[in-house]
Amino acid sequence: MLLPGPQGLFAPRWSTDGRYLCAFTADLHKAMLFQPHTGQWSELAGGRNLTYPNWSRDSTQVYFEDETDKGREVFPVRVTDRRIERVVTLK
């Protein structure tokens, strides 16, 4: 299935409720969110080197790792307001 919008996205993950799709840009600097009901992509989060997207059970957040000045860190980002909070630093 080919979705409309940006090309070159990878590591797609459907939300647990099937309402959204999250994928990373090829440069790993952005997590993008697709909403099938609108057919639109939007930026969900940005970072230095994003990896390992995983949805929360209730589909309200996407967790990912990013490479920061403090090392690898795990962050959730809320879908509704794009708020990001650090959960843990992996040193």
Protein backbone atom coordinates (compact mmCIF):
# COMPACT_ATOMS: atom_id res chain seq x y z
CA MET A 1 0.00 0.00 0.00
CA LEU A 2 1.44 3.37 -1.03
CA LEU A 3 0.52 6.29 1.21
CA PRO A 4 0.36 9.91 0.06
CA GLY A 5 2.94 12.42 1.21
CA PRO A 6 6.65 12.35 1.94
CA GLN A 7 8.84 9.75 0.27
CA GLY A 8 11.80 8.04 1.90
CA LEU A 9 10.24 7.44 5.30
CA PHE A 10 11.06 4.19 7.06
CA ALA A 11 10.49 2.17 10.26
CA PRO A 12 6.71 2.64 10.06
CA ARG A 13 4.65 1.63 13.08
CA TRP A 14 0.85 1.59 13.27
CA SER A 15 -0.61 2.80 16.55
CA THR A 16 -2.14 0.08 18.70
CA ASP A 17 -5.64 1.39 17.94
CA GLY A 18 -4.91 1.65 14.19
CA ARG A 19 -5.66 5.40 14.03
CA TYR A 20 -2.11 6.64 13.27
CA LEU A 21 1.13 5.67 11.58
CA CYS A 22 4.53 6.88 12.78
CA ALA A 23 7.67 6.76 10.61
CA PHE A 24 11.14 8.33 10.60
CA THR A 25 12.72 10.49 7.91
CA ALA A 26 15.74 8.96 6.15
CA ASP A 27 18.15 11.28 8.00
CA LEU A 28 16.69 10.13 11.36
CA HIS A 29 16.06 13.74 12.43
CA LYS A 30 12.24 13.65 12.43
CA ALA A 31 9.43 11.37 13.52
CA MET A 32 6.43 11.89 11.25
CA LEU A 33 2.79 11.12 12.01
CA PHE A 34 0.23 10.05 9.41
CA GLN A 35 -3.49 10.37 10.10
CA PRO A 36 -5.40 8.17 7.61
CA HIS A 37 -8.71 9.93 8.25
CA THR A 38 -7.22 13.24 6.98
CA GLY A 39 -4.59 11.80 4.64
CA GLN A 40 -2.04 14.21 6.12
CA TRP A 41 1.49 13.81 7.48
CA SER A 42 2.83 16.10 10.21
CA GLU A 43 6.04 16.32 12.22
CA LEU A 44 5.65 14.55 15.54
CA ALA A 45 9.14 15.13 16.99
CA GLY A 46 12.66 16.09 16.02
CA GLY A 47 16.05 14.95 17.24
CA ARG A 48 19.64 14.14 16.42
CA ASN A 49 19.39 10.41 15.67
CA LEU A 50 15.93 8.95 16.30
CA THR A 51 15.47 5.17 16.54
CA TYR A 52 13.15 2.44 17.82
CA PRO A 53 9.64 3.91 17.61
CA ASN A 54 7.09 2.14 19.82
CA TRP A 55 3.50 3.09 20.59
CA SER A 56 2.00 3.19 24.07
CA ARG A 57 -0.82 0.71 24.69
CA ASP A 58 -3.42 3.48 24.56
CA SER A 59 -1.97 5.03 21.36
CA THR A 60 -1.53 8.43 23.04
CA GLN A 61 2.29 8.45 22.86
CA VAL A 62 5.18 7.24 20.74
CA TYR A 63 8.38 6.26 22.54
CA PHE A 64 11.73 6.56 20.75
CA GLU A 65 15.45 6.74 21.44
CA ASP A 66 17.58 9.73 20.54
CA GLU A 67 21.29 10.41 20.70
CA THR A 68 21.84 13.49 22.88
CA ASP A 69 24.82 15.16 24.55
CA LYS A 70 24.07 12.94 27.58
CA GLY A 71 24.13 9.74 25.49
CA ARG A 72 21.19 7.63 24.30
CA GLU A 73 17.92 8.68 25.90
CA VAL A 74 14.34 7.40 25.70
CA PHE A 75 11.56 9.91 25.14
CA PRO A 76 7.78 9.66 24.77
CA VAL A 77 5.99 12.24 22.64
CA ARG A 78 2.25 12.82 23.05
CA VAL A 79 0.27 12.75 19.83
CA THR A 80 -2.22 15.44 20.91
CA ASP A 81 0.17 18.26 21.80
CA ARG A 82 3.62 16.93 20.74
CA ARG A 83 4.92 17.28 24.30
CA ILE A 84 8.21 15.42 24.87
CA GLU A 85 9.63 14.29 28.23
CA ARG A 86 12.79 12.31 28.92
CA VAL A 87 12.10 8.93 30.54
CA VAL A 88 15.59 7.50 30.95
CA THR A 89 19.22 8.05 29.94
CA LEU A 90 21.02 4.92 28.67
CA LYS A 91 24.63 5.32 29.72
